[in-house]
């Protein structure tokens, strides 16, 4: 499992402030790939909801993503 990281390590990478590439599943099972995006700061109430807002730097688009649906960050598989 040299190309895999634990979910808590993935969260540390997301909250570091560095741009990342990530892949996640949507509610309908569709896979979405976001390139060069950053995690936006969470308010205290949103921290416990299990979601995170991400901003795609190229387009300025903001997406709310369930953290458990993220399965790849920077080419590394994420496991629970």
Protein backbone atom coordinates (compact mmCIF):
# COMPACT_ATOMS: atom_id res chain seq x y z
CA UNK A 1 0.00 0.00 0.00
CA UNK A 2 2.76 2.44 -0.85
CA UNK A 3 0.32 4.54 -2.87
CA UNK A 4 -2.33 4.81 -0.16
CA UNK A 5 -2.89 7.07 2.84
CA UNK A 6 -5.22 6.96 5.83
CA UNK A 7 -8.25 9.25 5.99
CA UNK A 8 -6.75 11.34 8.82
CA UNK A 9 -3.56 11.91 6.82
CA UNK A 10 -5.72 12.98 3.88
CA UNK A 11 -7.50 15.52 6.09
CA UNK A 12 -4.14 16.91 7.19
CA UNK A 13 -3.15 17.31 3.55
CA UNK A 14 -6.43 19.07 2.74
CA UNK A 15 -6.15 21.52 5.61
CA UNK A 16 -2.52 22.41 4.94
CA UNK A 17 -3.57 25.17 2.55
CA UNK A 18 -1.65 23.73 -0.41
CA UNK A 19 -3.52 23.12 -3.70
CA UNK A 20 -4.42 19.46 -4.26
CA UNK A 21 -5.97 17.27 -6.93
CA UNK A 22 -8.79 15.12 -5.60
CA UNK A 23 -11.36 12.63 -6.78
CA UNK A 24 -14.66 11.91 -5.05
CA UNK A 25 -17.98 10.17 -5.58
CA UNK A 26 -21.18 12.16 -6.00
CA UNK A 27 -24.45 11.00 -4.47
CA UNK A 28 -25.46 9.24 -7.71
CA UNK A 29 -22.14 7.35 -7.92
CA UNK A 30 -20.57 9.59 -10.54
CA UNK A 31 -16.85 10.22 -10.11
CA UNK A 32 -15.68 13.84 -10.10
CA UNK A 33 -12.05 14.97 -10.43
CA UNK A 34 -11.03 18.42 -9.19
CA UNK A 35 -7.60 19.73 -10.13
CA UNK A 36 -5.72 22.46 -8.29
CA UNK A 37 -8.22 23.16 -5.53
CA UNK A 38 -7.93 24.27 -1.91
CA UNK A 39 -10.03 23.57 1.17
CA UNK A 40 -11.78 26.65 2.49
CA UNK A 41 -11.86 27.26 6.26
CA UNK A 42 -14.79 25.60 8.04
CA UNK A 43 -16.97 27.34 10.56
CA UNK A 44 -17.28 25.54 13.91
CA UNK A 45 -20.81 24.25 13.16
CA UNK A 46 -19.82 22.91 9.73
CA UNK A 47 -16.85 21.01 11.17
CA UNK A 48 -19.16 18.34 12.59
CA UNK A 49 -21.29 17.98 9.46
CA UNK A 50 -18.68 15.87 7.65
CA UNK A 51 -18.51 18.25 4.69
CA UNK A 52 -15.89 20.65 3.43
CA UNK A 53 -16.03 23.50 0.91
CA UNK A 54 -13.37 23.44 -1.80
CA UNK A 55 -12.46 26.19 -4.24
CA UNK A 56 -11.12 25.32 -7.70
CA UNK A 57 -8.41 27.92 -8.29
CA UNK A 58 -8.67 27.97 -12.10
CA UNK A 59 -12.41 28.72 -12.28
CA UNK A 60 -13.25 30.06 -8.82
CA UNK A 61 -15.97 27.39 -8.48
CA UNK A 62 -16.83 26.36 -4.91
CA UNK A 63 -17.97 22.79 -4.22
CA UNK A 64 -19.24 21.27 -0.96
CA UNK A 65 -17.96 17.70 -0.65
CA UNK A 66 -18.63 14.98 1.92
CA UNK A 67 -15.22 14.07 3.29
CA UNK A 68 -15.89 10.32 3.40
CA UNK A 69 -16.61 10.38 -0.36
CA UNK A 70 -13.06 11.46 -1.22
CA UNK A 71 -11.11 8.44 -2.46
CA UNK A 72 -7.99 9.95 -4.07
CA UNK A 73 -5.76 12.94 -3.23
CA UNK A 74 -2.79 13.84 -5.42
CA UNK A 75 -2.85 10.35 -6.94
CA UNK A 76 -2.83 8.61 -3.54
CA UNK A 77 -5.69 6.27 -2.64
CA UNK A 78 -7.48 7.20 0.60
CA UNK A 79 -8.64 4.43 2.93
CA UNK A 80 -10.74 4.61 6.10
